[in-house]
Amino acid sequence: MLLQITEDCAMERLKLNLAKIEYIFSAQPKKPAPHAMFNKGYTQNGFAEKVFHLHIRYKGNWPELYFCSYLRKHPEICREYEKLKYRLAVEYKNDRDKYTDKKTEFIKVYTEKAFLEIKRI
């Protein structure tokens, strides 16, 4: 899920409210502020049956939208990404950070291709 915030968003209050409904804040030190991510459904035993991600950013800062659009236009790349995610989910069942790290390069490559192909959304 993607949540767009305004410059005057009370981020600490937002974090507290999300924690009340069991979302866990996941710092994103490699991504520019205010990129914040919250997760729900990660347990000590691995992924729960339902897992949720909430990405929060300012307006106009959404590379994920380009990546998603690219996957829709290129079903073969989408299938490749699907296979990668399934493989990594098994391999890193109990290590969310490693799972994310291992798919980052794939996402980066195709997001850059999407920027070139789609231009700006």
C-alpha atoms as a PDB file:
ATOM      1  CA  MET A   1       0.000   0.000   0.000  1.00  0.00           C
ATOM      2  CA  LEU A   2       1.130   3.524  -0.656  1.00  0.00           C
ATOM      3  CA  LEU A   3       0.263   6.505   1.521  1.00  0.00           C
ATOM      4  CA  GLN A   4       1.013  10.012   0.324  1.00  0.00           C
ATOM      5  CA  ILE A   5       1.561  12.609   3.036  1.00  0.00           C
ATOM      6  CA  THR A   6       1.798  16.382   3.098  1.00  0.00           C
ATOM      7  CA  GLU A   7       4.720  18.413   4.422  1.00  0.00           C
ATOM      8  CA  ASP A   8       2.831  19.152   7.647  1.00  0.00           C
ATOM      9  CA  CYS A   9       2.103  15.486   8.487  1.00  0.00           C
ATOM     10  CA  ALA A  10       2.659  14.660  12.158  1.00  0.00           C
ATOM     11  CA  MET A  11       4.882  11.658  11.448  1.00  0.00           C
ATOM     12  CA  GLU A  12       5.386  10.629  15.078  1.00  0.00           C
ATOM     13  CA  ARG A  13       1.644  10.643  15.645  1.00  0.00           C
ATOM     14  CA  LEU A  14       1.148   8.593  12.489  1.00  0.00           C
ATOM     15  CA  LYS A  15       3.720   6.049  13.729  1.00  0.00           C
ATOM     16  CA  LEU A  16       1.920   5.757  17.071  1.00  0.00           C
ATOM     17  CA  ASN A  17      -1.467   5.251  15.418  1.00  0.00           C
ATOM     18  CA  LEU A  18      -0.104   2.567  13.111  1.00  0.00           C
ATOM     19  CA  ALA A  19       1.563   0.807  16.050  1.00  0.00           C
ATOM     20  CA  LYS A  20      -1.852   0.624  17.744  1.00  0.00           C
ATOM     21  CA  ILE A  21      -3.080  -1.549  14.863  1.00  0.00           C
ATOM     22  CA  GLU A  22       0.063  -3.709  14.986  1.00  0.00           C
ATOM     23  CA  TYR A  23       2.069  -2.184  12.161  1.00  0.00           C
ATOM     24  CA  ILE A  24       5.813  -2.266  12.828  1.00  0.00           C
ATOM     25  CA  PHE A  25       7.944   0.666  11.712  1.00  0.00           C
ATOM     26  CA  SER A  26      10.797  -0.382   9.436  1.00  0.00           C
ATOM     27  CA  ALA A  27      13.521   2.239   9.101  1.00  0.00           C
ATOM     28  CA  GLN A  28      14.695   2.851   5.531  1.00  0.00           C
ATOM     29  CA  PRO A  29      18.165   4.364   5.986  1.00  0.00           C
ATOM     30  CA  LYS A  30      19.115   3.830   2.322  1.00  0.00           C
ATOM     31  CA  LYS A  31      16.095   5.785   1.073  1.00  0.00           C
ATOM     32  CA  PRO A  32      15.620   9.540   1.368  1.00  0.00           C
ATOM     33  CA  ALA A  33      13.279  10.954   4.007  1.00  0.00           C
ATOM     34  CA  PRO A  34      10.398  10.881   4.515  1.00  0.00           C
ATOM     35  CA  HIS A  35      10.337   7.353   3.098  1.00  0.00           C
ATOM     36  CA  ALA A  36       8.897   5.260   5.848  1.00  0.00           C
ATOM     37  CA  MET A  37       7.717   1.702   5.683  1.00  0.00           C
ATOM     38  CA  PHE A  38       5.495  -0.214   8.035  1.00  0.00           C
ATOM     39  CA  ASN A  39       4.997  -3.972   8.048  1.00  0.00           C
ATOM     40  CA  LYS A  40       2.344  -6.234   9.444  1.00  0.00           C
ATOM     41  CA  GLY A  41       2.409 -10.012   9.298  1.00  0.00           C
ATOM     42  CA  TYR A  42       6.058 -10.768   9.978  1.00  0.00           C
ATOM     43  CA  THR A  43       6.467 -13.110  12.906  1.00  0.00           C
ATOM     44  CA  GLN A  44       9.338 -14.862  14.642  1.00  0.00           C
ATOM     45  CA  ASN A  45       8.251 -17.974  12.739  1.00  0.00           C
ATOM     46  CA  GLY A  46       8.347 -16.257   9.346  1.00  0.00           C
ATOM     47  CA  PHE A  47       5.572 -14.733   7.297  1.00  0.00           C
ATOM     48  CA  ALA A  48       1.985 -14.854   8.546  1.00  0.00           C
ATOM     49  CA  GLU A  49      -0.756 -15.931   6.149  1.00  0.00           C
ATOM     50  CA  LYS A  50      -1.375 -12.273   5.285  1.00  0.00           C
ATOM     51  CA  VAL A  51       1.467  -9.780   5.094  1.00  0.00           C
ATOM     52  CA  PHE A  52       1.092  -6.039   4.575  1.00  0.00           C
ATOM     53  CA  HIS A  53       3.493  -3.248   3.620  1.00  0.00           C
ATOM     54  CA  LEU A  54       2.655   0.417   3.931  1.00  0.00           C
ATOM     55  CA  HIS A  55       5.045   2.825   2.180  1.00  0.00           C
ATOM     56  CA  ILE A  56       4.766   6.499   3.107  1.00  0.00           C
ATOM     57  CA  ARG A  57       6.161   9.347   1.030  1.00  0.00           C
ATOM     58  CA  TYR A  58       5.589  12.913  -0.053  1.00  0.00           C
ATOM     59  CA  LYS A  59       3.683  13.630  -3.260  1.00  0.00           C
ATOM     60  CA  GLY A  60       5.639  12.941  -6.425  1.00  0.00           C
ATOM     61  CA  ASN A  61       8.187  10.575  -4.883  1.00  0.00           C
ATOM     62  CA  TRP A  62       6.859   7.163  -5.948  1.00  0.00           C
ATOM     63  CA  PRO A  63       9.306   4.997  -7.892  1.00  0.00           C
ATOM     64  CA  GLU A  64       7.192   1.950  -6.939  1.00  0.00           C
ATOM     65  CA  LEU A  65       4.466   3.217  -9.260  1.00  0.00           C
ATOM     66  CA  TYR A  66       6.874   3.148 -12.190  1.00  0.00           C
ATOM     67  CA  PHE A  67       8.005  -0.356 -11.301  1.00  0.00           C
ATOM     68  CA  CYS A  68       4.403  -1.609 -11.038  1.00  0.00           C
ATOM     69  CA  SER A  69       3.460   0.016 -14.329  1.00  0.00           C
ATOM     70  CA  TYR A  70       6.454  -1.569 -16.007  1.00  0.00           C
ATOM     71  CA  LEU A  71       5.488  -5.017 -14.713  1.00  0.00           C
ATOM     72  CA  ARG A  72       1.966  -4.561 -16.072  1.00  0.00           C
ATOM     73  CA  LYS A  73       3.341  -3.693 -19.511  1.00  0.00           C
ATOM     74  CA  HIS A  74       5.879  -6.542 -19.474  1.00  0.00           C
ATOM     75  CA  PRO A  75       4.265  -9.780 -18.229  1.00  0.00           C
ATOM     76  CA  GLU A  76       7.451 -11.782 -18.818  1.00  0.00           C
ATOM     77  CA  ILE A  77       9.342  -9.524 -16.373  1.00  0.00           C
ATOM     78  CA  CYS A  78       6.430  -9.765 -13.964  1.00  0.00           C
ATOM     79  CA  ARG A  79       6.685 -13.584 -14.029  1.00  0.00           C
ATOM     80  CA  GLU A  80      10.434 -13.332 -13.481  1.00  0.00           C
ATOM     81  CA  TYR A  81       9.847 -11.097 -10.448  1.00  0.00           C
ATOM     82  CA  GLU A  82       7.188 -13.482  -9.142  1.00  0.00           C
ATOM     83  CA  LYS A  83       9.624 -16.424  -9.323  1.00  0.00           C
ATOM     84  CA  LEU A  84      12.312 -14.380  -7.584  1.00  0.00           C
ATOM     85  CA  LYS A  85       9.965 -13.398  -4.746  1.00  0.00           C
ATOM     86  CA  TYR A  86       8.788 -16.972  -4.191  1.00  0.00           C
ATOM     87  CA  ARG A  87      12.340 -18.289  -4.149  1.00  0.00           C
ATOM     88  CA  LEU A  88      13.482 -15.595  -1.731  1.00  0.00           C
ATOM     89  CA  ALA A  89      10.439 -16.058   0.522  1.00  0.00           C
ATOM     90  CA  VAL A  90      11.420 -19.693   1.014  1.00  0.00           C
ATOM     91  CA  GLU A  91      15.129 -19.026   1.328  1.00  0.00           C
ATOM     92  CA  TYR A  92      14.759 -16.103   3.763  1.00  0.00           C
ATOM     93  CA  LYS A  93      11.570 -17.079   5.550  1.00  0.00           C
ATOM     94  CA  ASN A  94      12.843 -15.731   8.853  1.00  0.00           C
ATOM     95  CA  ASP A  95      14.956 -12.850   7.578  1.00  0.00           C
ATOM     96  CA  ARG A  96      12.843 -10.015   6.181  1.00  0.00           C
ATOM     97  CA  ASP A  97      15.825  -7.712   5.698  1.00  0.00           C
ATOM     98  CA  LYS A  98      17.775 -10.245   3.633  1.00  0.00           C
ATOM     99  CA  TYR A  99      14.644 -11.012   1.572  1.00  0.00           C
ATOM    100  CA  THR A 100      14.317  -7.308   0.759  1.00  0.00           C
ATOM    101  CA  ASP A 101      18.023  -6.854   0.046  1.00  0.00           C
ATOM    102  CA  LYS A 102      18.083  -9.769  -2.382  1.00  0.00           C
ATOM    103  CA  LYS A 103      15.273  -8.371  -4.552  1.00  0.00           C
ATOM    104  CA  THR A 104      16.481  -4.753  -4.471  1.00  0.00           C
ATOM    105  CA  GLU A 105      18.789  -4.957  -7.505  1.00  0.00           C
ATOM    106  CA  PHE A 106      16.017  -6.460  -9.665  1.00  0.00           C
ATOM    107  CA  ILE A 107      13.640  -3.683  -8.625  1.00  0.00           C
ATOM    108  CA  LYS A 108      16.272  -1.011  -9.234  1.00  0.00           C
ATOM    109  CA  VAL A 109      17.067  -2.243 -12.752  1.00  0.00           C
ATOM    110  CA  TYR A 110      13.438  -2.371 -13.859  1.00  0.00           C
ATOM    111  CA  THR A 111      12.465   0.858 -12.129  1.00  0.00           C
ATOM    112  CA  GLU A 112      15.172   2.638 -14.110  1.00  0.00           C
ATOM    113  CA  LYS A 113      13.900   1.013 -17.318  1.00  0.00           C
ATOM    114  CA  ALA A 114      10.402   2.142 -16.384  1.00  0.00           C
ATOM    115  CA  PHE A 115      11.559   5.745 -15.886  1.00  0.00           C
ATOM    116  CA  LEU A 116      13.017   5.715 -19.383  1.00  0.00           C
ATOM    117  CA  GLU A 117      10.049   4.003 -20.983  1.00  0.00           C
ATOM    118  CA  ILE A 118       7.156   5.602 -19.157  1.00  0.00           C
ATOM    119  CA  LYS A 119       8.772   8.991 -18.500  1.00  0.00           C
ATOM    120  CA  ARG A 120       6.970  10.565 -15.524  1.00  0.00           C
ATOM    121  CA  ILE A 121       3.586   9.571 -14.159  1.00  0.00           C
END
